[in-house]
N, C-alpha and C. Protein backbone atom coordinates (compact mmCIF):
# COMPACT_ATOMS: atom_id res chain seq x y z
N UNK A 1 -87.41 -29.12 -51.33
CA UNK A 1 -87.75 -27.83 -51.86
C UNK A 1 -89.34 -28.74 -52.35
N UNK A 2 -90.29 -28.49 -52.00
CA UNK A 2 -91.34 -29.19 -52.91
C UNK A 2 -91.99 -28.34 -54.36
N UNK A 3 -91.85 -28.81 -55.91
CA UNK A 3 -91.97 -28.40 -56.45
C UNK A 3 -93.15 -28.26 -57.10
N UNK A 4 -95.06 -27.05 -57.33
CA UNK A 4 -95.62 -28.06 -58.56
C UNK A 4 -96.20 -27.61 -59.20
N UNK A 5 -96.79 -28.56 -60.20
CA UNK A 5 -96.60 -27.44 -61.33
C UNK A 5 -98.48 -27.83 -61.40
N UNK A 6 -99.52 -26.86 -62.59
CA UNK A 6 -100.46 -26.66 -62.75
C UNK A 6 -100.83 -25.84 -64.17
N UNK A 7 -101.83 -26.42 -64.77
CA UNK A 7 -101.78 -26.21 -65.48
C UNK A 7 -100.80 -25.57 -66.69
N UNK A 8 -99.91 -27.16 -67.06
CA UNK A 8 -98.94 -26.83 -67.17
C UNK A 8 -98.46 -28.23 -68.20
N UNK A 9 -99.86 -28.74 -68.48
CA UNK A 9 -99.88 -29.73 -69.45
C UNK A 9 -99.09 -29.75 -70.92
N UNK A 10 -98.99 -28.57 -71.43
CA UNK A 10 -98.46 -28.25 -73.32
C UNK A 10 -96.84 -28.29 -73.11
N UNK A 11 -95.96 -28.10 -71.11
CA UNK A 11 -95.05 -28.59 -71.35
C UNK A 11 -94.93 -29.93 -71.72
N UNK A 12 -93.41 -30.37 -72.55
CA UNK A 12 -93.26 -30.82 -72.36
C UNK A 12 -92.27 -32.12 -71.36
N UNK A 13 -91.72 -33.32 -71.29
CA UNK A 13 -90.91 -34.00 -70.43
C UNK A 13 -89.16 -33.69 -69.87
N UNK A 14 -88.89 -33.17 -71.11
CA UNK A 14 -88.14 -33.26 -71.38
C UNK A 14 -87.83 -31.26 -70.77
N UNK A 15 -88.64 -30.28 -71.26
CA UNK A 15 -88.19 -29.17 -70.80
C UNK A 15 -89.08 -29.33 -68.83
N UNK A 16 -90.02 -29.98 -68.49
CA UNK A 16 -90.14 -29.62 -66.92
C UNK A 16 -88.47 -30.25 -66.35
N UNK A 17 -87.90 -31.51 -66.44
CA UNK A 17 -86.62 -32.20 -66.41
C UNK A 17 -85.88 -30.79 -66.48
N UNK A 18 -85.85 -30.19 -67.41
CA UNK A 18 -84.59 -29.09 -66.96
C UNK A 18 -85.09 -28.08 -65.66
N UNK A 19 -86.31 -27.71 -66.32
CA UNK A 19 -86.70 -26.51 -65.55
C UNK A 19 -86.66 -27.38 -64.11
N UNK A 20 -86.90 -28.64 -63.36
CA UNK A 20 -86.77 -28.58 -62.13
C UNK A 20 -85.01 -28.85 -61.80
N UNK A 21 -84.05 -29.00 -62.97
CA UNK A 21 -82.69 -29.53 -62.27
C UNK A 21 -82.01 -28.25 -62.20
N UNK A 22 -81.84 -27.29 -62.25
CA UNK A 22 -82.29 -25.72 -62.33
C UNK A 22 -82.64 -25.31 -61.43
N UNK A 23 -83.62 -25.74 -61.15
CA UNK A 23 -84.63 -25.12 -59.54
C UNK A 23 -83.67 -25.95 -58.60
N UNK A 24 -83.10 -26.57 -58.14
CA UNK A 24 -82.71 -27.87 -57.57
C UNK A 24 -81.14 -27.28 -57.63
N UNK A 25 -80.85 -26.43 -58.87
CA UNK A 25 -79.31 -26.18 -58.64
C UNK A 25 -79.86 -25.12 -57.40
N UNK A 26 -80.22 -24.36 -57.94
CA UNK A 26 -80.75 -22.94 -57.27
C UNK A 26 -80.64 -23.43 -55.78
N UNK A 27 -81.24 -24.49 -55.44
CA UNK A 27 -81.57 -24.45 -53.98
C UNK A 27 -80.06 -25.04 -52.75
N UNK A 28 -79.90 -25.78 -54.32
CA UNK A 28 -78.58 -26.59 -53.77
C UNK A 28 -77.56 -25.91 -52.27
N UNK A 29 -77.57 -26.80 -51.16
CA UNK A 29 -76.71 -25.61 -49.77
C UNK A 29 -77.52 -24.50 -49.35
N UNK A 30 -78.45 -24.59 -49.58
CA UNK A 30 -79.73 -23.58 -49.39
C UNK A 30 -81.07 -23.89 -48.73
N UNK A 31 -81.78 -23.40 -47.92
CA UNK A 31 -82.43 -24.33 -46.99
C UNK A 31 -83.74 -23.37 -47.09
N UNK A 32 -83.73 -22.76 -48.02
CA UNK A 32 -84.58 -21.05 -48.25
C UNK A 32 -85.42 -21.13 -48.75
N UNK A 33 -85.81 -22.32 -50.18
CA UNK A 33 -86.61 -21.75 -50.20
C UNK A 33 -87.63 -22.99 -49.86
N UNK A 34 -88.76 -23.29 -49.63
CA UNK A 34 -89.81 -23.98 -49.54
C UNK A 34 -90.65 -25.16 -50.43
N UNK A 35 -90.94 -24.27 -50.86
CA UNK A 35 -92.55 -24.42 -51.36
C UNK A 35 -93.00 -23.80 -52.96
N UNK A 36 -93.43 -24.49 -54.21
CA UNK A 36 -92.11 -23.51 -55.11
C UNK A 36 -94.30 -24.13 -56.49
N UNK A 37 -94.97 -23.11 -56.58
CA UNK A 37 -95.51 -23.47 -57.63
C UNK A 37 -94.89 -22.57 -58.47
N UNK A 38 -95.64 -23.87 -59.69
CA UNK A 38 -95.69 -23.48 -61.52
C UNK A 38 -96.72 -22.99 -62.58
N UNK A 39 -97.21 -22.01 -62.37
CA UNK A 39 -98.97 -21.85 -62.18
C UNK A 39 -98.51 -21.18 -64.38
N UNK A 40 -99.64 -21.99 -65.10
CA UNK A 40 -100.00 -21.06 -67.00
C UNK A 40 -101.16 -20.65 -66.67
N UNK A 41 -101.53 -20.09 -67.35
CA UNK A 41 -102.60 -19.76 -67.56
C UNK A 41 -103.05 -18.90 -68.97
N UNK A 42 -103.45 -18.65 -69.86
CA UNK A 42 -103.71 -17.92 -71.06
C UNK A 42 -104.03 -16.77 -70.85
N UNK A 43 -103.46 -15.64 -71.46
CA UNK A 43 -102.59 -14.46 -71.50
C UNK A 43 -104.16 -13.75 -72.40
N UNK A 44 -104.96 -12.93 -72.40
CA UNK A 44 -106.03 -12.14 -73.08
C UNK A 44 -105.34 -10.92 -73.86
N UNK A 45 -104.32 -10.20 -73.40
CA UNK A 45 -103.50 -9.21 -73.86
C UNK A 45 -103.37 -8.90 -75.03
N UNK A 46 -103.67 -8.58 -75.94
CA UNK A 46 -102.56 -9.24 -77.69
C UNK A 46 -101.28 -8.50 -77.38
N UNK A 47 -100.72 -7.32 -76.33
CA UNK A 47 -99.69 -7.22 -77.06
C UNK A 47 -98.84 -7.74 -76.56
N UNK A 48 -98.86 -8.46 -74.51
CA UNK A 48 -97.58 -9.99 -74.07
C UNK A 48 -98.13 -11.32 -74.65
N UNK A 49 -98.59 -11.19 -75.54
CA UNK A 49 -98.73 -13.19 -75.77
C UNK A 49 -99.79 -13.95 -75.24
N UNK A 50 -99.59 -14.69 -75.89
CA UNK A 50 -100.76 -15.78 -75.51
C UNK A 50 -100.69 -16.42 -73.87
N UNK A 51 -99.36 -16.34 -73.34
CA UNK A 51 -99.69 -17.38 -72.47
C UNK A 51 -98.61 -16.87 -71.27
N UNK A 52 -99.09 -16.88 -69.98
CA UNK A 52 -98.54 -16.36 -68.98
C UNK A 52 -98.14 -17.10 -67.91
N UNK A 53 -96.98 -17.24 -67.06
CA UNK A 53 -96.66 -18.17 -66.42
C UNK A 53 -95.86 -17.72 -65.69
N UNK A 54 -96.88 -17.65 -63.74
CA UNK A 54 -96.22 -16.88 -62.59
C UNK A 54 -95.86 -18.33 -62.40
N UNK A 55 -94.67 -17.87 -61.12
CA UNK A 55 -94.15 -19.00 -60.86
C UNK A 55 -93.98 -18.51 -59.08
N UNK A 56 -94.45 -18.71 -57.90
CA UNK A 56 -94.27 -17.99 -56.47
C UNK A 56 -93.37 -19.15 -55.52
N UNK A 57 -93.13 -18.37 -54.64
CA UNK A 57 -92.33 -19.63 -53.91
C UNK A 57 -92.08 -18.72 -52.59
N UNK A 58 -92.59 -19.76 -51.75
CA UNK A 58 -92.78 -19.17 -50.44
C UNK A 58 -91.09 -19.38 -50.21
N UNK A 59 -90.52 -18.62 -48.88
CA UNK A 59 -89.01 -18.82 -48.53
C UNK A 59 -88.81 -18.34 -47.73
N UNK A 60 -88.13 -18.45 -46.92
CA UNK A 60 -87.45 -18.47 -45.43
C UNK A 60 -88.60 -16.79 -45.15
N UNK A 61 -89.53 -16.14 -44.81
CA UNK A 61 -89.28 -15.12 -44.12
C UNK A 61 -89.89 -13.97 -45.56
N UNK A 62 -90.02 -14.63 -46.28
CA UNK A 62 -90.50 -13.99 -47.92
C UNK A 62 -91.19 -14.31 -49.10
N UNK A 63 -91.76 -14.05 -49.90
CA UNK A 63 -92.27 -14.81 -50.66
C UNK A 63 -91.85 -14.50 -52.45
N UNK A 64 -91.86 -15.08 -52.96
CA UNK A 64 -90.37 -14.49 -54.20
C UNK A 64 -91.64 -14.86 -55.52
N UNK A 65 -91.83 -14.23 -56.32
CA UNK A 65 -92.51 -14.22 -57.64
C UNK A 65 -92.50 -13.97 -58.91
N UNK A 66 -92.53 -14.49 -60.19
CA UNK A 66 -91.88 -14.04 -61.22
C UNK A 66 -92.96 -15.02 -62.46
N UNK A 67 -93.96 -13.62 -62.72
CA UNK A 67 -94.20 -14.02 -63.94
C UNK A 67 -93.96 -13.63 -65.04
N UNK A 68 -94.14 -13.99 -66.56
CA UNK A 68 -94.03 -13.31 -67.23
C UNK A 68 -95.05 -13.94 -68.51
N UNK A 69 -94.91 -13.42 -69.41
CA UNK A 69 -96.63 -13.98 -70.82
C UNK A 69 -95.22 -13.95 -72.21
N UNK A 70 -95.23 -14.63 -72.76
CA UNK A 70 -95.16 -15.40 -74.43
C UNK A 70 -96.05 -15.73 -75.34
N UNK A 71 -95.71 -15.58 -76.03
CA UNK A 71 -96.50 -16.58 -77.52
C UNK A 71 -97.14 -17.96 -77.31
N UNK A 72 -95.90 -18.52 -76.85
CA UNK A 72 -95.92 -20.16 -75.95
C UNK A 72 -95.25 -19.68 -74.89
N UNK A 73 -95.59 -21.25 -74.20
CA UNK A 73 -96.23 -21.19 -72.63
C UNK A 73 -94.66 -21.78 -72.66
N UNK A 74 -93.98 -22.78 -73.34
CA UNK A 74 -92.21 -22.74 -73.36
C UNK A 74 -91.57 -21.54 -73.08
N UNK A 75 -91.60 -20.71 -73.98
CA UNK A 75 -90.73 -19.55 -73.58
C UNK A 75 -91.29 -18.22 -72.86
N UNK A 76 -92.11 -18.55 -72.07
CA UNK A 76 -93.17 -17.52 -70.44
C UNK A 76 -92.59 -18.41 -69.47
N UNK A 77 -92.56 -20.11 -69.76
CA UNK A 77 -91.84 -20.64 -68.31
C UNK A 77 -90.42 -20.28 -68.91
N UNK A 78 -89.68 -19.88 -70.03
CA UNK A 78 -87.88 -20.13 -69.58
C UNK A 78 -88.15 -18.51 -69.60
N UNK A 79 -88.35 -17.55 -69.21
CA UNK A 79 -88.29 -16.19 -69.03
C UNK A 79 -88.49 -16.14 -67.35
N UNK A 80 -90.08 -16.84 -67.38
CA UNK A 80 -90.14 -16.54 -65.86
C UNK A 80 -89.02 -17.48 -65.18
N UNK A 81 -88.48 -18.38 -65.16
CA UNK A 81 -87.25 -19.38 -64.28
C UNK A 81 -85.82 -18.02 -64.74
N UNK A 82 -85.97 -17.36 -65.02
CA UNK A 82 -85.18 -16.83 -65.80
C UNK A 82 -85.12 -14.95 -64.38
N UNK A 83 -85.90 -14.59 -64.52
CA UNK A 83 -87.00 -13.73 -63.46
C UNK A 83 -86.80 -14.65 -61.61
N UNK A 84 -87.55 -15.58 -61.88
CA UNK A 84 -86.69 -16.37 -60.32
C UNK A 84 -85.36 -16.70 -59.95
N UNK A 85 -85.02 -16.90 -60.71
CA UNK A 85 -83.56 -17.28 -60.15
C UNK A 85 -82.80 -15.17 -59.71
N UNK A 86 -83.19 -14.60 -60.72
CA UNK A 86 -82.63 -13.27 -60.52
C UNK A 86 -83.25 -12.68 -59.45
N UNK A 87 -84.44 -12.71 -58.63
CA UNK A 87 -85.50 -12.70 -57.89
C UNK A 87 -84.61 -13.31 -56.32
N UNK A 88 -84.50 -14.72 -56.48
CA UNK A 88 -83.65 -15.51 -55.66
C UNK A 88 -82.51 -14.71 -54.98
N UNK A 89 -81.46 -14.54 -56.09
CA UNK A 89 -80.26 -14.20 -55.79
C UNK A 89 -80.55 -12.55 -55.29
N UNK A 90 -81.41 -11.93 -55.54
CA UNK A 90 -80.97 -10.45 -55.34
C UNK A 90 -81.25 -10.72 -53.91
N UNK A 91 -82.58 -11.75 -53.78
CA UNK A 91 -83.27 -11.94 -52.08
C UNK A 91 -81.83 -11.89 -51.29
N UNK A 92 -81.34 -13.79 -52.29
CA UNK A 92 -79.64 -14.28 -50.65
C UNK A 92 -79.08 -12.95 -50.36
N UNK A 93 -78.79 -12.17 -51.88
CA UNK A 93 -77.87 -10.74 -51.55
C UNK A 93 -77.97 -9.83 -50.31
N UNK A 94 -79.09 -9.87 -50.85
CA UNK A 94 -79.79 -8.42 -49.43
C UNK A 94 -79.78 -9.29 -47.88
N UNK A 95 -79.54 -10.64 -47.76
CA UNK A 95 -79.81 -10.93 -46.75
C UNK A 95 -78.62 -11.43 -46.07
N UNK A 96 -77.92 -11.33 -47.08
CA UNK A 96 -75.64 -11.54 -46.98
C UNK A 96 -75.85 -9.82 -46.35
N UNK A 97 -75.90 -9.09 -46.98
CA UNK A 97 -75.63 -7.83 -46.89
C UNK A 97 -76.38 -7.13 -45.34
N UNK A 98 -77.26 -7.60 -45.27
CA UNK A 98 -77.60 -7.37 -43.44
C UNK A 98 -77.13 -8.68 -42.48
N UNK A 99 -76.64 -9.34 -42.52
CA UNK A 99 -75.56 -10.20 -41.82
C UNK A 99 -74.89 -9.83 -41.24
N UNK A 100 -74.28 -8.47 -42.67
CA UNK A 100 -72.67 -8.31 -41.91
C UNK A 100 -73.06 -6.50 -40.76
């Protein structure tokens, strides 16, 4: 799995490494996650916060997307990663049910 970061200069190296470790752990033992893009952009909608993080991943036969907004990019990134992990587990669960 390749991880591509875009517009994430505000995220420090420690947080970036923690995110990459978490994603590598998610990918262990599976070859379904291929290409993952993590992109940040300002969100002008006042009710959702100032930063938006979008995670999009090509997975075998599907695309997994998670987007979260927050006051700061670090919080939005953590919430987006949580949502992404949930979506990947849900996809894998559906695939396992389908095989039965």
